[in-house]
Amino acid sequence: MRSWLADRIRDVLYAVLDVLASVVIWPLFRLSVRGRKNLRGGGILVARHRSYWDVPILCVAAGPFRRIGFLARRGLLRNPLLAPFVWFFATIIEREAFSARDFRKAVRTAERNKIIGIFPEGTTRPGASPKPGAIRFAEFLDRPLIPANIVPHGHYPPTNPLGFPKVEVHFGRPFSVEELAKDLPEELPRKERYQLLAARLMERIDAA
C-alpha cells in the first residue's frame, strides 16, 4: 500500500513538473512530436544520449501522463541540479559494475512503470559504443523496444543561451528483440550476437 501510494504521488509530481517544463521546452526548442501513439502500450524507450537536455525533451514529448522511469547512473548524483530529480524519479544503477542488485532494482522499476527509459550508450560522451543492456532487459521482461529519435535542426546540445535549435522527437513503432534479431545466424557467439543487436538498435533509433 505504501509503495502504491508513493508511486501515485510520483505520478502527480511528475505530471506537474512535466507541465511546468513544457512551458520552457516547447518554445525554447520549438518542439514538434510525432508518433506519440506508439507509447500507448508501454515498453523500453531507447534513444541516443547527446545532452542532458535529452531527458526533459523526451519527458515533455511523451506528455505528463506517460511517466518515463529512467535508469540513471550513480554519477549523476554529483550534479546538485540533477540529484533531486534523479533520486525521486529515476532508478540509480552502477553503470560500470552492474550487479544482480541493480538488475532487481531495474525490474522493480519496470513493474511500476509502463515505459522504461534507457540510453544504450550510457553516456553523453561522443563516440561511445552502445551497450546491450536495453536488449537484455527487453528479453527478460518480454517487452517491446520503442525507438525515440531526437532530431535537432541546428547545434545540439546548444552552445549558448541564444542558440537553441528547433527539435523534432520521433517515437517509432515498437518492435521485439526477435524482430531485431531477424536473419542473424543462430550459431553466433553470445557476445557477438548482442554487439550486433546493439548496433541494429541504434540504426532503428536513427531511422525512427
C-alpha atoms as a PDB file:
ATOM      1  CA  MET A   1       0.000   0.000   0.000  1.00  0.00           C
ATOM      2  CA  ARG A   2       2.809   2.400   0.952  1.00  0.00           C
ATOM      3  CA  SER A   3       4.643   1.669  -2.300  1.00  0.00           C
ATOM      4  CA  TRP A   4       1.446   2.164  -4.329  1.00  0.00           C
ATOM      5  CA  LEU A   5       0.787   5.498  -2.638  1.00  0.00           C
ATOM      6  CA  ALA A   6       4.378   6.646  -3.197  1.00  0.00           C
ATOM      7  CA  ASP A   7       4.067   5.840  -6.899  1.00  0.00           C
ATOM      8  CA  ARG A   8       0.802   7.787  -7.180  1.00  0.00           C
ATOM      9  CA  ILE A   9       2.464  10.778  -5.520  1.00  0.00           C
ATOM     10  CA  ARG A  10       5.320  10.467  -8.019  1.00  0.00           C
ATOM     11  CA  ASP A  11       2.780  10.340 -10.872  1.00  0.00           C
ATOM     12  CA  VAL A  12       1.195  13.603  -9.718  1.00  0.00           C
ATOM     13  CA  LEU A  13       4.513  15.371  -9.145  1.00  0.00           C
ATOM     14  CA  TYR A  14       5.855  14.094 -12.456  1.00  0.00           C
ATOM     15  CA  ALA A  15       2.781  15.429 -14.273  1.00  0.00           C
ATOM     16  CA  VAL A  16       3.073  18.830 -12.585  1.00  0.00           C
ATOM     17  CA  LEU A  17       6.799  19.125 -13.326  1.00  0.00           C
ATOM     18  CA  ASP A  18       6.249  17.937 -16.898  1.00  0.00           C
ATOM     19  CA  VAL A  19       3.654  20.654 -17.487  1.00  0.00           C
ATOM     20  CA  LEU A  20       5.981  23.284 -15.986  1.00  0.00           C
ATOM     21  CA  ALA A  21       8.876  22.019 -18.105  1.00  0.00           C
ATOM     22  CA  SER A  22       6.661  22.183 -21.186  1.00  0.00           C
ATOM     23  CA  VAL A  23       6.345  25.933 -20.745  1.00  0.00           C
ATOM     24  CA  VAL A  24      10.119  26.136 -21.257  1.00  0.00           C
ATOM     25  CA  ILE A  25      10.879  23.221 -23.609  1.00  0.00           C
ATOM     26  CA  TRP A  26       8.184  23.782 -26.236  1.00  0.00           C
ATOM     27  CA  PRO A  27       9.079  27.402 -27.099  1.00  0.00           C
ATOM     28  CA  LEU A  28      12.809  27.099 -26.384  1.00  0.00           C
ATOM     29  CA  PHE A  29      13.296  24.225 -28.834  1.00  0.00           C
ATOM     30  CA  ARG A  30      10.194  24.955 -30.974  1.00  0.00           C
ATOM     31  CA  LEU A  31       9.432  21.316 -30.245  1.00  0.00           C
ATOM     32  CA  SER A  32       7.427  19.092 -32.556  1.00  0.00           C
ATOM     33  CA  VAL A  33       6.442  15.492 -31.841  1.00  0.00           C
ATOM     34  CA  ARG A  34       5.250  12.623 -33.974  1.00  0.00           C
ATOM     35  CA  GLY A  35       4.395   9.006 -33.211  1.00  0.00           C
ATOM     36  CA  ARG A  36       3.190   9.566 -29.646  1.00  0.00           C
ATOM     37  CA  LYS A  37       0.587   6.842 -30.218  1.00  0.00           C
ATOM     38  CA  ASN A  38       3.463   4.329 -30.251  1.00  0.00           C
ATOM     39  CA  LEU A  39       3.838   4.846 -26.493  1.00  0.00           C
ATOM     40  CA  ARG A  40       0.343   3.606 -25.629  1.00  0.00           C
ATOM     41  CA  GLY A  41       1.274   0.015 -24.898  1.00  0.00           C
ATOM     42  CA  GLY A  42       4.436   0.826 -22.983  1.00  0.00           C
ATOM     43  CA  GLY A  43       7.836  -0.793 -23.369  1.00  0.00           C
ATOM     44  CA  ILE A  44      11.542   0.041 -23.240  1.00  0.00           C
ATOM     45  CA  LEU A  45      12.090   3.533 -24.656  1.00  0.00           C
ATOM     46  CA  VAL A  46      15.558   3.841 -26.204  1.00  0.00           C
ATOM     47  CA  ALA A  47      17.271   6.942 -27.564  1.00  0.00           C
ATOM     48  CA  ARG A  48      20.695   8.334 -28.334  1.00  0.00           C
ATOM     49  CA  HIS A  49      22.231  10.310 -25.481  1.00  0.00           C
ATOM     50  CA  ARG A  50      23.883  13.518 -26.640  1.00  0.00           C
ATOM     51  CA  SER A  51      22.900  16.029 -23.965  1.00  0.00           C
ATOM     52  CA  TYR A  52      21.384  16.444 -20.504  1.00  0.00           C
ATOM     53  CA  TRP A  53      18.516  18.098 -22.396  1.00  0.00           C
ATOM     54  CA  ASP A  54      17.538  14.659 -23.758  1.00  0.00           C
ATOM     55  CA  VAL A  55      15.618  13.637 -20.625  1.00  0.00           C
ATOM     56  CA  PRO A  56      13.374  16.719 -20.258  1.00  0.00           C
ATOM     57  CA  ILE A  57      12.799  16.817 -24.026  1.00  0.00           C
ATOM     58  CA  LEU A  58      11.675  13.168 -24.080  1.00  0.00           C
ATOM     59  CA  CYS A  59       9.503  13.606 -20.981  1.00  0.00           C
ATOM     60  CA  VAL A  60       7.775  16.670 -22.409  1.00  0.00           C
ATOM     61  CA  ALA A  61       7.381  14.995 -25.805  1.00  0.00           C
ATOM     62  CA  ALA A  62       5.758  11.927 -24.197  1.00  0.00           C
ATOM     63  CA  GLY A  63       3.363  14.071 -22.174  1.00  0.00           C
ATOM     64  CA  PRO A  64       2.565  14.486 -18.459  1.00  0.00           C
ATOM     65  CA  PHE A  65       0.509  11.305 -18.139  1.00  0.00           C
ATOM     66  CA  ARG A  66       3.090   8.901 -19.556  1.00  0.00           C
ATOM     67  CA  ARG A  67       5.709   8.786 -16.825  1.00  0.00           C
ATOM     68  CA  ILE A  68       9.058   7.500 -18.075  1.00  0.00           C
ATOM     69  CA  GLY A  69      11.052   5.592 -15.460  1.00  0.00           C
ATOM     70  CA  PHE A  70      14.642   6.253 -16.484  1.00  0.00           C
ATOM     71  CA  LEU A  71      17.602   4.172 -15.379  1.00  0.00           C
ATOM     72  CA  ALA A  72      20.320   6.593 -14.249  1.00  0.00           C
ATOM     73  CA  ARG A  73      23.989   6.126 -13.428  1.00  0.00           C
ATOM     74  CA  ARG A  74      25.045   6.975  -9.884  1.00  0.00           C
ATOM     75  CA  GLY A  75      27.483   9.628 -11.099  1.00  0.00           C
ATOM     76  CA  LEU A  76      24.560  11.963 -11.849  1.00  0.00           C
ATOM     77  CA  LEU A  77      24.031  12.400  -8.118  1.00  0.00           C
ATOM     78  CA  ARG A  78      27.180  14.526  -8.054  1.00  0.00           C
ATOM     79  CA  ASN A  79      25.324  17.194 -10.029  1.00  0.00           C
ATOM     80  CA  PRO A  80      23.434  19.310  -7.451  1.00  0.00           C
ATOM     81  CA  LEU A  81      20.889  20.466 -10.036  1.00  0.00           C
ATOM     82  CA  LEU A  82      20.047  16.956 -11.233  1.00  0.00           C
ATOM     83  CA  ALA A  83      20.377  14.998  -7.989  1.00  0.00           C
ATOM     84  CA  PRO A  84      16.872  15.707  -6.542  1.00  0.00           C
ATOM     85  CA  PHE A  85      15.174  14.625  -9.783  1.00  0.00           C
ATOM     86  CA  VAL A  86      17.363  11.537 -10.111  1.00  0.00           C
ATOM     87  CA  TRP A  87      16.618  10.460  -6.525  1.00  0.00           C
ATOM     88  CA  PHE A  88      12.872  10.915  -6.867  1.00  0.00           C
ATOM     89  CA  PHE A  89      12.069   9.906 -10.449  1.00  0.00           C
ATOM     90  CA  ALA A  90      14.868   7.608 -11.679  1.00  0.00           C
ATOM     91  CA  THR A  91      16.339   4.260 -10.689  1.00  0.00           C
ATOM     92  CA  ILE A  92      20.000   4.610  -9.777  1.00  0.00           C
ATOM     93  CA  ILE A  93      22.340   1.884 -11.010  1.00  0.00           C
ATOM     94  CA  GLU A  94      26.077   1.279 -11.144  1.00  0.00           C
ATOM     95  CA  ARG A  95      26.726   1.517 -14.872  1.00  0.00           C
ATOM     96  CA  GLU A  96      30.317   0.297 -14.739  1.00  0.00           C
ATOM     97  CA  ALA A  97      29.664  -2.505 -12.248  1.00  0.00           C
ATOM     98  CA  PHE A  98      26.109  -3.582 -12.999  1.00  0.00           C
ATOM     99  CA  SER A  99      25.160  -6.204 -10.406  1.00  0.00           C
ATOM    100  CA  ALA A 100      22.297  -8.539  -9.565  1.00  0.00           C
ATOM    101  CA  ARG A 101      21.086  -5.898  -7.113  1.00  0.00           C
ATOM    102  CA  ASP A 102      20.981  -3.287  -9.899  1.00  0.00           C
ATOM    103  CA  PHE A 103      19.062  -5.735 -12.078  1.00  0.00           C
ATOM    104  CA  ARG A 104      16.468  -6.334  -9.344  1.00  0.00           C
ATOM    105  CA  LYS A 105      16.068  -2.575  -8.924  1.00  0.00           C
ATOM    106  CA  ALA A 106      15.533  -2.209 -12.671  1.00  0.00           C
ATOM    107  CA  VAL A 107      12.924  -4.982 -12.669  1.00  0.00           C
ATOM    108  CA  ARG A 108      11.034  -3.281  -9.829  1.00  0.00           C
ATOM    109  CA  THR A 109      11.101  -0.078 -11.878  1.00  0.00           C
ATOM    110  CA  ALA A 110       9.611  -1.973 -14.812  1.00  0.00           C
ATOM    111  CA  GLU A 111       6.831  -3.307 -12.598  1.00  0.00           C
ATOM    112  CA  ARG A 112       5.906   0.241 -11.542  1.00  0.00           C
ATOM    113  CA  ASN A 113       6.225   1.973 -14.924  1.00  0.00           C
ATOM    114  CA  LYS A 114       4.718   1.175 -18.309  1.00  0.00           C
ATOM    115  CA  ILE A 115       7.604   2.992 -20.001  1.00  0.00           C
ATOM    116  CA  ILE A 116      11.253   2.485 -19.039  1.00  0.00           C
ATOM    117  CA  GLY A 117      13.810   4.928 -20.441  1.00  0.00           C
ATOM    118  CA  ILE A 118      17.289   3.670 -21.333  1.00  0.00           C
ATOM    119  CA  PHE A 119      20.105   5.330 -23.270  1.00  0.00           C
ATOM    120  CA  PRO A 120      22.051   2.389 -24.789  1.00  0.00           C
ATOM    121  CA  GLU A 121      25.266   4.414 -24.991  1.00  0.00           C
ATOM    122  CA  GLY A 122      25.046   5.138 -21.257  1.00  0.00           C
ATOM    123  CA  THR A 123      26.865   8.473 -21.587  1.00  0.00           C
ATOM    124  CA  THR A 124      26.766  11.749 -23.498  1.00  0.00           C
ATOM    125  CA  ARG A 125      30.409  11.265 -24.499  1.00  0.00           C
ATOM    126  CA  PRO A 126      30.674  11.287 -28.325  1.00  0.00           C
ATOM    127  CA  GLY A 127      31.689   8.004 -29.939  1.00  0.00           C
ATOM    128  CA  ALA A 128      30.621   5.749 -27.051  1.00  0.00           C
ATOM    129  CA  SER A 129      29.659   2.231 -28.124  1.00  0.00           C
ATOM    130  CA  PRO A 130      26.085   1.122 -27.365  1.00  0.00           C
ATOM    131  CA  LYS A 131      25.647  -1.432 -24.590  1.00  0.00           C
ATOM    132  CA  PRO A 132      23.242  -4.392 -24.949  1.00  0.00           C
ATOM    133  CA  GLY A 133      21.563  -3.811 -21.569  1.00  0.00           C
ATOM    134  CA  ALA A 134      18.310  -2.482 -23.043  1.00  0.00           C
ATOM    135  CA  ILE A 135      18.045  -5.534 -25.306  1.00  0.00           C
ATOM    136  CA  ARG A 136      18.655  -7.999 -22.475  1.00  0.00           C
ATOM    137  CA  PHE A 137      16.172  -6.122 -20.326  1.00  0.00           C
ATOM    138  CA  ALA A 138      13.537  -6.265 -23.072  1.00  0.00           C
ATOM    139  CA  GLU A 139      14.160 -10.009 -23.468  1.00  0.00           C
ATOM    140  CA  PHE A 140      13.822 -10.687 -19.745  1.00  0.00           C
ATOM    141  CA  LEU A 141      10.649  -8.616 -19.344  1.00  0.00           C
ATOM    142  CA  ASP A 142       9.177  -9.665 -22.700  1.00  0.00           C
ATOM    143  CA  ARG A 143       8.505  -6.031 -23.556  1.00  0.00           C
ATOM    144  CA  PRO A 144       8.909  -4.239 -26.877  1.00  0.00           C
ATOM    145  CA  LEU A 145      11.609  -1.702 -27.624  1.00  0.00           C
ATOM    146  CA  ILE A 146      10.366   1.767 -28.606  1.00  0.00           C
ATOM    147  CA  PRO A 147      12.891   3.885 -30.556  1.00  0.00           C
ATOM    148  CA  ALA A 148      12.915   7.636 -29.908  1.00  0.00           C
ATOM    149  CA  ASN A 149      14.844   9.811 -32.331  1.00  0.00           C
ATOM    150  CA  ILE A 150      15.679  13.336 -31.179  1.00  0.00           C
ATOM    151  CA  VAL A 151      16.253  15.289 -34.401  1.00  0.00           C
ATOM    152  CA  PRO A 152      17.802  18.749 -33.917  1.00  0.00           C
ATOM    153  CA  HIS A 153      17.894  21.381 -36.646  1.00  0.00           C
ATOM    154  CA  GLY A 154      20.988  23.235 -35.510  1.00  0.00           C
ATOM    155  CA  HIS A 155      23.768  22.737 -33.000  1.00  0.00           C
ATOM    156  CA  TYR A 156      22.801  20.238 -30.304  1.00  0.00           C
ATOM    157  CA  PRO A 157      23.439  20.362 -27.438  1.00  0.00           C
ATOM    158  CA  PRO A 158      23.085  24.143 -27.603  1.00  0.00           C
ATOM    159  CA  THR A 159      26.306  26.062 -27.031  1.00  0.00           C
ATOM    160  CA  ASN A 160      24.901  29.411 -25.912  1.00  0.00           C
ATOM    161  CA  PRO A 161      21.641  30.780 -24.448  1.00  0.00           C
ATOM    162  CA  LEU A 162      20.589  32.228 -27.801  1.00  0.00           C
ATOM    163  CA  GLY A 163      21.466  29.208 -29.928  1.00  0.00           C
ATOM    164  CA  PHE A 164      18.746  26.679 -29.192  1.00  0.00           C
ATOM    165  CA  PRO A 165      17.912  24.533 -32.249  1.00  0.00           C
ATOM    166  CA  LYS A 166      14.480  23.510 -33.410  1.00  0.00           C
ATOM    167  CA  VAL A 167      13.958  19.911 -32.248  1.00  0.00           C
ATOM    168  CA  GLU A 168      11.709  17.132 -33.510  1.00  0.00           C
ATOM    169  CA  VAL A 169      11.043  13.985 -31.484  1.00  0.00           C
ATOM    170  CA  HIS A 170      10.006  10.896 -33.419  1.00  0.00           C
ATOM    171  CA  PHE A 171       8.637   7.938 -31.461  1.00  0.00           C
ATOM    172  CA  GLY A 172       8.987   4.924 -33.740  1.00  0.00           C
ATOM    173  CA  ARG A 173       6.984   1.743 -33.995  1.00  0.00           C
ATOM    174  CA  PRO A 174       7.595  -0.707 -31.122  1.00  0.00           C
ATOM    175  CA  PHE A 175       9.405  -3.917 -32.061  1.00  0.00           C
ATOM    176  CA  SER A 176      10.504  -7.088 -30.332  1.00  0.00           C
ATOM    177  CA  VAL A 177      14.019  -8.401 -29.802  1.00  0.00           C
ATOM    178  CA  GLU A 178      13.080 -11.318 -32.064  1.00  0.00           C
ATOM    179  CA  GLU A 179      12.307  -8.868 -34.843  1.00  0.00           C
ATOM    180  CA  LEU A 180      15.596  -7.075 -34.242  1.00  0.00           C
ATOM    181  CA  ALA A 181      17.473 -10.388 -34.408  1.00  0.00           C
ATOM    182  CA  LYS A 182      15.861 -11.496 -37.673  1.00  0.00           C
ATOM    183  CA  ASP A 183      18.310 -13.184 -40.062  1.00  0.00           C
ATOM    184  CA  LEU A 184      21.140 -13.363 -37.509  1.00  0.00           C
ATOM    185  CA  PRO A 185      22.866 -16.767 -37.626  1.00  0.00           C
ATOM    186  CA  GLU A 186      21.874 -18.964 -34.673  1.00  0.00           C
ATOM    187  CA  GLU A 187      25.453 -20.159 -34.189  1.00  0.00           C
ATOM    188  CA  LEU A 188      26.777 -16.675 -33.384  1.00  0.00           C
ATOM    189  CA  PRO A 189      28.614 -16.439 -30.034  1.00  0.00           C
ATOM    190  CA  ARG A 190      26.501 -14.723 -27.375  1.00  0.00           C
ATOM    191  CA  LYS A 191      28.780 -11.686 -27.049  1.00  0.00           C
ATOM    192  CA  GLU A 192      28.949 -11.106 -30.799  1.00  0.00           C
ATOM    193  CA  ARG A 193      25.183 -11.532 -31.103  1.00  0.00           C
ATOM    194  CA  TYR A 194      24.496  -8.824 -28.553  1.00  0.00           C
ATOM    195  CA  GLN A 195      27.037  -6.491 -30.143  1.00  0.00           C
ATOM    196  CA  LEU A 196      25.271  -6.840 -33.483  1.00  0.00           C
ATOM    197  CA  LEU A 197      21.866  -6.373 -31.854  1.00  0.00           C
ATOM    198  CA  ALA A 198      23.075  -3.208 -30.105  1.00  0.00           C
ATOM    199  CA  ALA A 199      24.304  -1.811 -33.435  1.00  0.00           C
ATOM    200  CA  ARG A 200      20.980  -2.671 -35.079  1.00  0.00           C
ATOM    201  CA  LEU A 201      19.153  -0.998 -32.220  1.00  0.00           C
ATOM    202  CA  MET A 202      20.971   2.286 -32.836  1.00  0.00           C
ATOM    203  CA  GLU A 203      20.078   2.040 -36.531  1.00  0.00           C
ATOM    204  CA  ARG A 204      16.413   1.642 -35.570  1.00  0.00           C
ATOM    205  CA  ILE A 205      16.653   4.698 -33.342  1.00  0.00           C
ATOM    206  CA  ASP A 206      18.191   6.782 -36.133  1.00  0.00           C
ATOM    207  CA  ALA A 207      15.510   5.598 -38.587  1.00  0.00           C
ATOM    208  CA  ALA A 208      12.545   6.368 -36.312  1.00  0.00           C
END
